[in-house]
Amino acid sequence: MTAAAAMPLQASSPRAPRELLDVRDLRIHFPTDDGLVNAVDGLSFQVDRGHTLGIVGESGSGKSVTSLGILGLHEGTNALISGEIWLEGEELVSAMPARIRQLRGSKMAMIFQDPLSSMHPYYTVGDQIIEAYRIHNDVSKTAAIPATRAGKAGDS
């Protein structure tokens, strides 16, 4: 797997306030009957606020496994996860599942590749973002529209 536009890491750098996401030595392994599958093995990257990181790689290189790991969606599987995932200064690998569920949708989200679970082509992207914002913030559609259009959907 290749991380494009990733920033170099320092071994013990302090958490800077501008840092949105800091992944350090992430390892996600799956025990199988044929042995251990090292789906992600020692991945590190940072994403600062206002920046974008593109993760590219061949099919099966660990892109989705990494994203699912960041979102805590390997919970309840046989995945062995180690390393550190920091979201706005909060460590996620050791966080309780209930806390990860609170963060999902309000501070982090994923649009899945699976056509049955991705965005619906009939509805506008804006309407789907507003719907997700309303679910996680318990507000009316009228209140959600300005928050999502201003880019503040994850800033609550």
C-alpha atoms as a PDB file:
ATOM      1  CA  MET A   1       0.000   0.000   0.000  1.00  0.00           C
ATOM      2  CA  THR A   2       1.227   3.489  -0.804  1.00  0.00           C
ATOM      3  CA  ALA A   3       0.218   6.626   1.072  1.00  0.00           C
ATOM      4  CA  ALA A   4       0.243   9.600  -1.272  1.00  0.00           C
ATOM      5  CA  ALA A   5       0.943  13.054   0.160  1.00  0.00           C
ATOM      6  CA  ALA A   6       1.576  11.694   3.646  1.00  0.00           C
ATOM      7  CA  MET A   7       3.704  13.742   5.988  1.00  0.00           C
ATOM      8  CA  PRO A   8       6.863  12.260   7.536  1.00  0.00           C
ATOM      9  CA  LEU A   9       6.595  11.184  11.165  1.00  0.00           C
ATOM     10  CA  GLN A  10       8.856  11.765  14.108  1.00  0.00           C
ATOM     11  CA  ALA A  11       9.052   8.904  16.576  1.00  0.00           C
ATOM     12  CA  SER A  12       7.812  10.777  19.636  1.00  0.00           C
ATOM     13  CA  SER A  13       6.360  14.000  18.266  1.00  0.00           C
ATOM     14  CA  PRO A  14       3.745  15.668  20.475  1.00  0.00           C
ATOM     15  CA  ARG A  15       0.145  15.890  19.301  1.00  0.00           C
ATOM     16  CA  ALA A  16      -0.150  19.210  17.479  1.00  0.00           C
ATOM     17  CA  PRO A  17      -3.581  20.881  17.582  1.00  0.00           C
ATOM     18  CA  ARG A  18      -3.671  21.085  13.766  1.00  0.00           C
ATOM     19  CA  GLU A  19      -3.392  17.293  13.511  1.00  0.00           C
ATOM     20  CA  LEU A  20      -6.680  15.707  12.607  1.00  0.00           C
ATOM     21  CA  LEU A  21      -5.584  12.098  12.174  1.00  0.00           C
ATOM     22  CA  ASP A  22      -2.326  10.434  13.217  1.00  0.00           C
ATOM     23  CA  VAL A  23      -1.855   6.735  12.451  1.00  0.00           C
ATOM     24  CA  ARG A  24       1.286   5.131  13.867  1.00  0.00           C
ATOM     25  CA  ASP A  25       2.612   1.649  13.129  1.00  0.00           C
ATOM     26  CA  LEU A  26      -0.881   0.309  12.416  1.00  0.00           C
ATOM     27  CA  ARG A  27      -1.029  -3.455  12.068  1.00  0.00           C
ATOM     28  CA  ILE A  28      -4.198  -5.342  11.236  1.00  0.00           C
ATOM     29  CA  HIS A  29      -3.765  -9.096  10.993  1.00  0.00           C
ATOM     30  CA  PHE A  30      -6.288 -11.863  10.478  1.00  0.00           C
ATOM     31  CA  PRO A  31      -5.688 -15.391  11.784  1.00  0.00           C
ATOM     32  CA  THR A  32      -6.831 -18.029   9.284  1.00  0.00           C
ATOM     33  CA  ASP A  33      -6.593 -21.806   9.024  1.00  0.00           C
ATOM     34  CA  ASP A  34      -3.678 -21.272   6.639  1.00  0.00           C
ATOM     35  CA  GLY A  35      -1.805 -18.885   8.943  1.00  0.00           C
ATOM     36  CA  LEU A  36      -1.737 -15.194   9.770  1.00  0.00           C
ATOM     37  CA  VAL A  37      -2.709 -12.716   7.040  1.00  0.00           C
ATOM     38  CA  ASN A  38      -0.886  -9.409   7.528  1.00  0.00           C
ATOM     39  CA  ALA A  39      -3.430  -7.166   5.800  1.00  0.00           C
ATOM     40  CA  VAL A  40      -1.841  -3.955   7.150  1.00  0.00           C
ATOM     41  CA  ASP A  41       1.674  -4.167   8.520  1.00  0.00           C
ATOM     42  CA  GLY A  42       3.284  -1.077  10.067  1.00  0.00           C
ATOM     43  CA  LEU A  43       1.410   1.748   8.306  1.00  0.00           C
ATOM     44  CA  SER A  44       1.999   5.302   9.558  1.00  0.00           C
ATOM     45  CA  PHE A  45       0.666   8.619   8.276  1.00  0.00           C
ATOM     46  CA  GLN A  46      -0.724  11.959   9.419  1.00  0.00           C
ATOM     47  CA  VAL A  47      -3.462  14.178   8.065  1.00  0.00           C
ATOM     48  CA  ASP A  48      -3.529  17.798   9.192  1.00  0.00           C
ATOM     49  CA  ARG A  49      -6.720  19.863   9.286  1.00  0.00           C
ATOM     50  CA  GLY A  50      -7.542  21.213   5.864  1.00  0.00           C
ATOM     51  CA  HIS A  51      -5.385  18.616   4.096  1.00  0.00           C
ATOM     52  CA  THR A  52      -6.305  15.531   2.126  1.00  0.00           C
ATOM     53  CA  LEU A  53      -4.592  12.158   2.023  1.00  0.00           C
ATOM     54  CA  GLY A  54      -5.127   9.735  -0.823  1.00  0.00           C
ATOM     55  CA  ILE A  55      -4.405   6.080  -0.115  1.00  0.00           C
ATOM     56  CA  VAL A  56      -3.849   4.134  -3.311  1.00  0.00           C
ATOM     57  CA  GLY A  57      -2.827   0.580  -4.007  1.00  0.00           C
ATOM     58  CA  GLU A  58      -3.634  -2.611  -5.819  1.00  0.00           C
ATOM     59  CA  SER A  59      -6.675  -4.681  -5.016  1.00  0.00           C
ATOM     60  CA  GLY A  60      -6.114  -6.482  -1.718  1.00  0.00           C
ATOM     61  CA  SER A  61      -3.348  -4.123  -0.570  1.00  0.00           C
ATOM     62  CA  GLY A  62      -5.139  -3.068   2.637  1.00  0.00           C
ATOM     63  CA  LYS A  63      -6.803   0.233   1.726  1.00  0.00           C
ATOM     64  CA  SER A  64     -10.274  -0.747   2.930  1.00  0.00           C
ATOM     65  CA  VAL A  65      -8.912  -2.754   5.873  1.00  0.00           C
ATOM     66  CA  THR A  66      -7.060   0.394   7.001  1.00  0.00           C
ATOM     67  CA  SER A  67     -10.151   2.593   6.677  1.00  0.00           C
ATOM     68  CA  LEU A  68     -12.342   0.076   8.474  1.00  0.00           C
ATOM     69  CA  GLY A  69      -9.723  -0.131  11.234  1.00  0.00           C
ATOM     70  CA  ILE A  70      -9.699   3.642  11.701  1.00  0.00           C
ATOM     71  CA  LEU A  71     -13.497   3.609  11.959  1.00  0.00           C
ATOM     72  CA  GLY A  72     -13.450   0.734  14.464  1.00  0.00           C
ATOM     73  CA  LEU A  73     -15.469  -1.502  12.159  1.00  0.00           C
ATOM     74  CA  HIS A  74     -13.352  -4.604  12.774  1.00  0.00           C
ATOM     75  CA  GLU A  75     -14.916  -4.850  16.247  1.00  0.00           C
ATOM     76  CA  GLY A  76     -16.408  -8.301  16.733  1.00  0.00           C
ATOM     77  CA  THR A  77     -14.240  -9.907  14.054  1.00  0.00           C
ATOM     78  CA  ASN A  78     -11.096 -11.975  14.494  1.00  0.00           C
ATOM     79  CA  ALA A  79      -8.897  -9.023  13.454  1.00  0.00           C
ATOM     80  CA  LEU A  80      -5.784  -8.432  15.572  1.00  0.00           C
ATOM     81  CA  ILE A  81      -5.168  -4.681  15.693  1.00  0.00           C
ATOM     82  CA  SER A  82      -2.140  -2.927  17.155  1.00  0.00           C
ATOM     83  CA  GLY A  83      -0.465   0.422  16.789  1.00  0.00           C
ATOM     84  CA  GLU A  84      -1.996   3.807  17.414  1.00  0.00           C
ATOM     85  CA  ILE A  85      -4.810   5.719  15.758  1.00  0.00           C
ATOM     86  CA  TRP A  86      -5.233   9.271  17.054  1.00  0.00           C
ATOM     87  CA  LEU A  87      -8.241  11.353  16.009  1.00  0.00           C
ATOM     88  CA  GLU A  88      -8.021  14.948  17.210  1.00  0.00           C
ATOM     89  CA  GLY A  89      -5.731  13.825  20.037  1.00  0.00           C
ATOM     90  CA  GLU A  90      -7.942  10.903  21.140  1.00  0.00           C
ATOM     91  CA  GLU A  91      -6.495   7.378  20.852  1.00  0.00           C
ATOM     92  CA  LEU A  92      -8.927   5.026  19.104  1.00  0.00           C
ATOM     93  CA  VAL A  93      -7.312   1.557  19.192  1.00  0.00           C
ATOM     94  CA  SER A  94      -7.794   1.309  22.960  1.00  0.00           C
ATOM     95  CA  ALA A  95     -11.080   3.269  23.064  1.00  0.00           C
ATOM     96  CA  MET A  96     -14.304   1.600  24.134  1.00  0.00           C
ATOM     97  CA  PRO A  97     -16.614   0.535  21.274  1.00  0.00           C
ATOM     98  CA  ALA A  98     -19.333   2.895  22.549  1.00  0.00           C
ATOM     99  CA  ARG A  99     -16.945   5.841  22.211  1.00  0.00           C
ATOM    100  CA  ILE A 100     -16.005   4.829  18.666  1.00  0.00           C
ATOM    101  CA  ARG A 101     -19.726   4.673  17.770  1.00  0.00           C
ATOM    102  CA  GLN A 102     -20.120   8.236  19.109  1.00  0.00           C
ATOM    103  CA  LEU A 103     -17.294   9.457  16.883  1.00  0.00           C
ATOM    104  CA  ARG A 104     -18.562   7.632  13.805  1.00  0.00           C
ATOM    105  CA  GLY A 105     -20.692  10.006  11.766  1.00  0.00           C
ATOM    106  CA  SER A 106     -19.825  13.065  13.832  1.00  0.00           C
ATOM    107  CA  LYS A 107     -16.013  13.104  13.548  1.00  0.00           C
ATOM    108  CA  MET A 108     -15.286  10.346  11.022  1.00  0.00           C
ATOM    109  CA  ALA A 109     -17.160   8.554   8.256  1.00  0.00           C
ATOM    110  CA  MET A 110     -16.645   6.404   5.192  1.00  0.00           C
ATOM    111  CA  ILE A 111     -18.404   6.016   1.875  1.00  0.00           C
ATOM    112  CA  PHE A 112     -18.174   2.303   1.172  1.00  0.00           C
ATOM    113  CA  GLN A 113     -17.154   0.848  -2.174  1.00  0.00           C
ATOM    114  CA  ASP A 114     -19.994  -1.661  -2.099  1.00  0.00           C
ATOM    115  CA  PRO A 115     -22.748  -0.304  -4.364  1.00  0.00           C
ATOM    116  CA  LEU A 116     -25.438  -1.576  -1.988  1.00  0.00           C
ATOM    117  CA  SER A 117     -24.053   0.378   0.976  1.00  0.00           C
ATOM    118  CA  SER A 118     -22.682   3.498  -0.729  1.00  0.00           C
ATOM    119  CA  MET A 119     -24.420   6.727  -1.623  1.00  0.00           C
ATOM    120  CA  HIS A 120     -27.755   6.410  -3.398  1.00  0.00           C
ATOM    121  CA  PRO A 121     -27.736   7.704  -6.993  1.00  0.00           C
ATOM    122  CA  TYR A 122     -31.337   8.963  -6.795  1.00  0.00           C
ATOM    123  CA  TYR A 123     -30.695  11.424  -3.947  1.00  0.00           C
ATOM    124  CA  THR A 124     -28.295  14.352  -4.069  1.00  0.00           C
ATOM    125  CA  VAL A 125     -25.023  14.061  -2.173  1.00  0.00           C
ATOM    126  CA  GLY A 126     -26.113  17.073  -0.104  1.00  0.00           C
ATOM    127  CA  ASP A 127     -29.362  15.396   0.979  1.00  0.00           C
ATOM    128  CA  GLN A 128     -27.470  12.272   2.038  1.00  0.00           C
ATOM    129  CA  ILE A 129     -24.944  14.317   4.039  1.00  0.00           C
ATOM    130  CA  ILE A 130     -27.784  16.235   5.701  1.00  0.00           C
ATOM    131  CA  GLU A 131     -29.485  12.934   6.592  1.00  0.00           C
ATOM    132  CA  ALA A 132     -26.320  11.579   8.223  1.00  0.00           C
ATOM    133  CA  TYR A 133     -25.771  14.876  10.088  1.00  0.00           C
ATOM    134  CA  ARG A 134     -29.341  14.790  11.420  1.00  0.00           C
ATOM    135  CA  ILE A 135     -28.965  11.200  12.657  1.00  0.00           C
ATOM    136  CA  HIS A 136     -25.830  12.064  14.638  1.00  0.00           C
ATOM    137  CA  ASN A 137     -26.893  15.493  15.881  1.00  0.00           C
ATOM    138  CA  ASP A 138     -30.666  15.129  16.475  1.00  0.00           C
ATOM    139  CA  VAL A 139     -31.571  18.339  14.640  1.00  0.00           C
ATOM    140  CA  SER A 140     -34.215  19.327  12.106  1.00  0.00           C
ATOM    141  CA  LYS A 141     -33.492  19.425   8.389  1.00  0.00           C
ATOM    142  CA  THR A 142     -33.701  23.226   8.550  1.00  0.00           C
ATOM    143  CA  ALA A 143     -30.968  23.318  11.222  1.00  0.00           C
ATOM    144  CA  ALA A 144     -28.812  20.757   9.423  1.00  0.00           C
ATOM    145  CA  ILE A 145     -28.665  22.550   6.065  1.00  0.00           C
ATOM    146  CA  PRO A 146     -26.503  25.518   7.131  1.00  0.00           C
ATOM    147  CA  ALA A 147     -24.189  23.307   9.239  1.00  0.00           C
ATOM    148  CA  THR A 148     -23.484  20.902   6.389  1.00  0.00           C
ATOM    149  CA  ARG A 149     -23.103  23.599   3.733  1.00  0.00           C
ATOM    150  CA  ALA A 150     -20.653  25.546   5.882  1.00  0.00           C
ATOM    151  CA  GLY A 151     -18.399  22.499   6.171  1.00  0.00           C
ATOM    152  CA  LYS A 152     -19.041  22.235   9.888  1.00  0.00           C
ATOM    153  CA  ALA A 153     -20.626  18.782   9.885  1.00  0.00           C
ATOM    154  CA  GLY A 154     -17.701  17.255  11.812  1.00  0.00           C
ATOM    155  CA  ASP A 155     -16.860  20.281  13.967  1.00  0.00           C
ATOM    156  CA  SER A 156     -19.477  19.786  16.699  1.00  0.00           C
END
